[in-house]
C-alpha atoms as a PDB file:
ATOM      1  CA  TRP A   1     243.884 178.718  16.740  1.00  0.00           C
ATOM      2  CA  LEU A   2     247.105 180.564  17.336  1.00  0.00           C
ATOM      3  CA  SER A   3     247.052 184.278  17.997  1.00  0.00           C
ATOM      4  CA  ASN A   4     249.100 186.668  15.885  1.00  0.00           C
ATOM      5  CA  ASP A   5     251.493 187.040  18.821  1.00  0.00           C
ATOM      6  CA  ASP A   6     251.966 183.256  19.026  1.00  0.00           C
ATOM      7  CA  VAL A   7     252.684 183.042  15.307  1.00  0.00           C
ATOM      8  CA  CYS A   8     255.104 185.988  15.418  1.00  0.00           C
ATOM      9  CA  ASN A   9     256.932 184.536  18.420  1.00  0.00           C
ATOM     10  CA  ASP A  10     257.237 181.170  16.682  1.00  0.00           C
ATOM     11  CA  ILE A  11     258.634 182.825  13.547  1.00  0.00           C
ATOM     12  CA  LEU A  12     261.124 184.818  15.611  1.00  0.00           C
ATOM     13  CA  LYS A  13     262.438 181.637  17.248  1.00  0.00           C
ATOM     14  CA  ARG A  14     263.199 179.842  13.982  1.00  0.00           C
ATOM     15  CA  HIS A  15     266.835 179.684  12.941  1.00  0.00           C
ATOM     16  CA  LEU A  16     266.219 180.852   9.370  1.00  0.00           C
ATOM     17  CA  LEU A  17     263.280 182.746   7.936  1.00  0.00           C
ATOM     18  CA  VAL A  18     262.592 182.989   4.208  1.00  0.00           C
ATOM     19  CA  VAL A  19     260.189 185.725   3.118  1.00  0.00           C
ATOM     20  CA  ASP A  20     259.194 184.934  -0.441  1.00  0.00           C
ATOM     21  CA  ASP A  21     257.944 187.701  -2.732  1.00  0.00           C
ATOM     22  CA  LEU A  22     257.962 190.573  -0.245  1.00  0.00           C
ATOM     23  CA  GLY A  23     255.416 193.148  -1.317  1.00  0.00           C
ATOM     24  CA  THR A  24     252.648 190.828  -2.468  1.00  0.00           C
ATOM     25  CA  GLU A  25     251.021 191.019   0.979  1.00  0.00           C
ATOM     26  CA  ALA A  26     250.587 194.747   0.401  1.00  0.00           C
ATOM     27  CA  ARG A  27     248.059 194.018  -2.350  1.00  0.00           C
ATOM     28  CA  THR A  28     245.453 192.432  -0.067  1.00  0.00           C
ATOM     29  CA  ASP A  29     242.402 193.947   1.634  1.00  0.00           C
ATOM     30  CA  ARG A  30     244.282 193.778   4.929  1.00  0.00           C
ATOM     31  CA  SER A  31     247.435 195.307   3.522  1.00  0.00           C
ATOM     32  CA  ASP A  32     248.092 197.717   6.412  1.00  0.00           C
ATOM     33  CA  THR A  33     247.915 194.924   8.970  1.00  0.00           C
ATOM     34  CA  ALA A  34     249.945 192.538   6.827  1.00  0.00           C
ATOM     35  CA  ARG A  35     252.641 195.154   6.221  1.00  0.00           C
ATOM     36  CA  ALA A  36     252.830 195.996   9.924  1.00  0.00           C
ATOM     37  CA  VAL A  37     253.245 192.326  10.892  1.00  0.00           C
ATOM     38  CA  VAL A  38     255.865 191.683   8.194  1.00  0.00           C
ATOM     39  CA  CYS A  39     257.804 194.815   9.219  1.00  0.00           C
ATOM     40  CA  GLN A  40     257.673 193.825  12.889  1.00  0.00           C
ATOM     41  CA  ILE A  41     258.958 190.318  12.198  1.00  0.00           C
ATOM     42  CA  ILE A  42     261.764 191.502   9.905  1.00  0.00           C
ATOM     43  CA  ARG A  43     262.825 194.260  12.328  1.00  0.00           C
ATOM     44  CA  GLU A  44     262.922 191.856  15.273  1.00  0.00           C
ATOM     45  CA  ARG A  45     264.927 189.277  13.369  1.00  0.00           C
ATOM     46  CA  LEU A  46     267.417 191.881  12.178  1.00  0.00           C
ATOM     47  CA  ASN A  47     267.734 193.384  15.669  1.00  0.00           C
ATOM     48  CA  TYR A  48     268.559 189.950  17.102  1.00  0.00           C
ATOM     49  CA  ALA A  49     270.863 189.043  14.193  1.00  0.00           C
ATOM     50  CA  ARG A  50     268.660 186.141  13.115  1.00  0.00           C
ATOM     51  CA  PRO A  51     269.229 185.057   9.508  1.00  0.00           C
ATOM     52  CA  ILE A  52     266.626 186.003   6.942  1.00  0.00           C
ATOM     53  CA  ILE A  53     266.349 185.601   3.181  1.00  0.00           C
ATOM     54  CA  ILE A  54     263.983 187.961   1.390  1.00  0.00           C
ATOM     55  CA  THR A  55     262.911 187.633  -2.229  1.00  0.00           C
ATOM     56  CA  THR A  56     260.932 190.302  -4.046  1.00  0.00           C
ATOM     57  CA  ASN A  57     260.214 191.580  -7.521  1.00  0.00           C
ATOM     58  CA  LEU A  58     260.519 195.137  -6.191  1.00  0.00           C
ATOM     59  CA  THR A  59     263.657 197.259  -6.019  1.00  0.00           C
ATOM     60  CA  LEU A  60     264.763 198.804  -2.722  1.00  0.00           C
ATOM     61  CA  GLU A  61     263.584 202.138  -4.114  1.00  0.00           C
ATOM     62  CA  GLN A  62     260.127 200.709  -4.791  1.00  0.00           C
ATOM     63  CA  LEU A  63     259.974 199.124  -1.335  1.00  0.00           C
ATOM     64  CA  GLY A  64     260.763 202.586   0.068  1.00  0.00           C
ATOM     65  CA  GLU A  65     257.636 204.093  -1.430  1.00  0.00           C
ATOM     66  CA  GLU A  66     254.913 204.816   1.126  1.00  0.00           C
ATOM     67  CA  ARG A  67     252.460 202.471  -0.581  1.00  0.00           C
ATOM     68  CA  TRP A  68     254.863 199.621   0.186  1.00  0.00           C
ATOM     69  CA  TYR A  69     257.009 200.014   3.311  1.00  0.00           C
ATOM     70  CA  GLY A  70     258.472 203.507   3.462  1.00  0.00           C
ATOM     71  CA  ASP A  71     261.962 204.936   3.730  1.00  0.00           C
ATOM     72  CA  LYS A  72     262.611 203.992   7.380  1.00  0.00           C
ATOM     73  CA  PHE A  73     262.051 200.309   6.696  1.00  0.00           C
ATOM     74  CA  VAL A  74     264.285 200.354   3.616  1.00  0.00           C
ATOM     75  CA  GLU A  75     267.039 202.182   5.516  1.00  0.00           C
ATOM     76  CA  LEU A  76     266.883 199.429   8.130  1.00  0.00           C
ATOM     77  CA  LEU A  77     267.217 196.812   5.394  1.00  0.00           C
ATOM     78  CA  ARG A  78     270.137 198.638   3.789  1.00  0.00           C
ATOM     79  CA  GLY A  79     272.011 198.429   7.090  1.00  0.00           C
ATOM     80  CA  TYR A  80     271.687 194.660   7.346  1.00  0.00           C
ATOM     81  CA  VAL A  81     271.162 193.063   3.956  1.00  0.00           C
ATOM     82  CA  THR A  82     273.175 192.437   0.836  1.00  0.00           C
ATOM     83  CA  PRO A  83     270.949 192.843  -2.219  1.00  0.00           C
ATOM     84  CA  ILE A  84     271.537 190.290  -4.963  1.00  0.00           C
ATOM     85  CA  GLU A  85     269.845 190.977  -8.275  1.00  0.00           C
ATOM     86  CA  VAL A  86     268.736 187.892 -10.134  1.00  0.00           C
ATOM     87  CA  VAL A  87     267.953 188.546 -13.779  1.00  0.00           C
ATOM     88  CA  GLY A  88     266.147 186.056 -15.915  1.00  0.00           C
ATOM     89  CA  MET A  89     262.987 184.981 -17.607  1.00  0.00           C
ATOM     90  CA  ASP A  90     259.659 185.509 -15.850  1.00  0.00           C
ATOM     91  CA  TRP A  91     258.390 181.940 -15.775  1.00  0.00           C
ATOM     92  CA  ASN A  92     254.840 182.955 -14.860  1.00  0.00           C
ATOM     93  CA  GLU A  93     254.709 185.290 -17.852  1.00  0.00           C
ATOM     94  CA  GLU A  94     256.085 182.565 -20.142  1.00  0.00           C
ATOM     95  CA  LYS A  95     253.550 180.052 -18.810  1.00  0.00           C
ATOM     96  CA  SER A  96     250.714 182.522 -19.478  1.00  0.00           C
ATOM     97  CA  LYS A  97     251.931 183.049 -23.048  1.00  0.00           C
ATOM     98  CA  ARG A  98     252.051 179.292 -23.681  1.00  0.00           C
ATOM     99  CA  GLU A  99     248.543 178.901 -22.279  1.00  0.00           C
ATOM    100  CA  GLY A 100     247.261 181.799 -24.404  1.00  0.00           C
ATOM    101  CA  LYS A 101     246.299 183.994 -21.467  1.00  0.00           C
END
């Protein structure tokens, strides 16, 4: 098995990192640990100017709430990222409606 440090170092070495649905890791039993690891990886990549694509259903304001990542993390993001809002149909919601859930 790889240690957390090995995994983080491997992620940091990759040319491009895509973080899909940022914020969902905060809903797990290990949310504090998951958030800390995600923040560390994103901070390191931004500090070394490594490309990163982040998708999320949360606004920057929501990400700044303490239950998610806090103001300091969002201020770091604001300094490096260009938010692009994508508006459209929620395909998971539509699928649930079709399946009667």
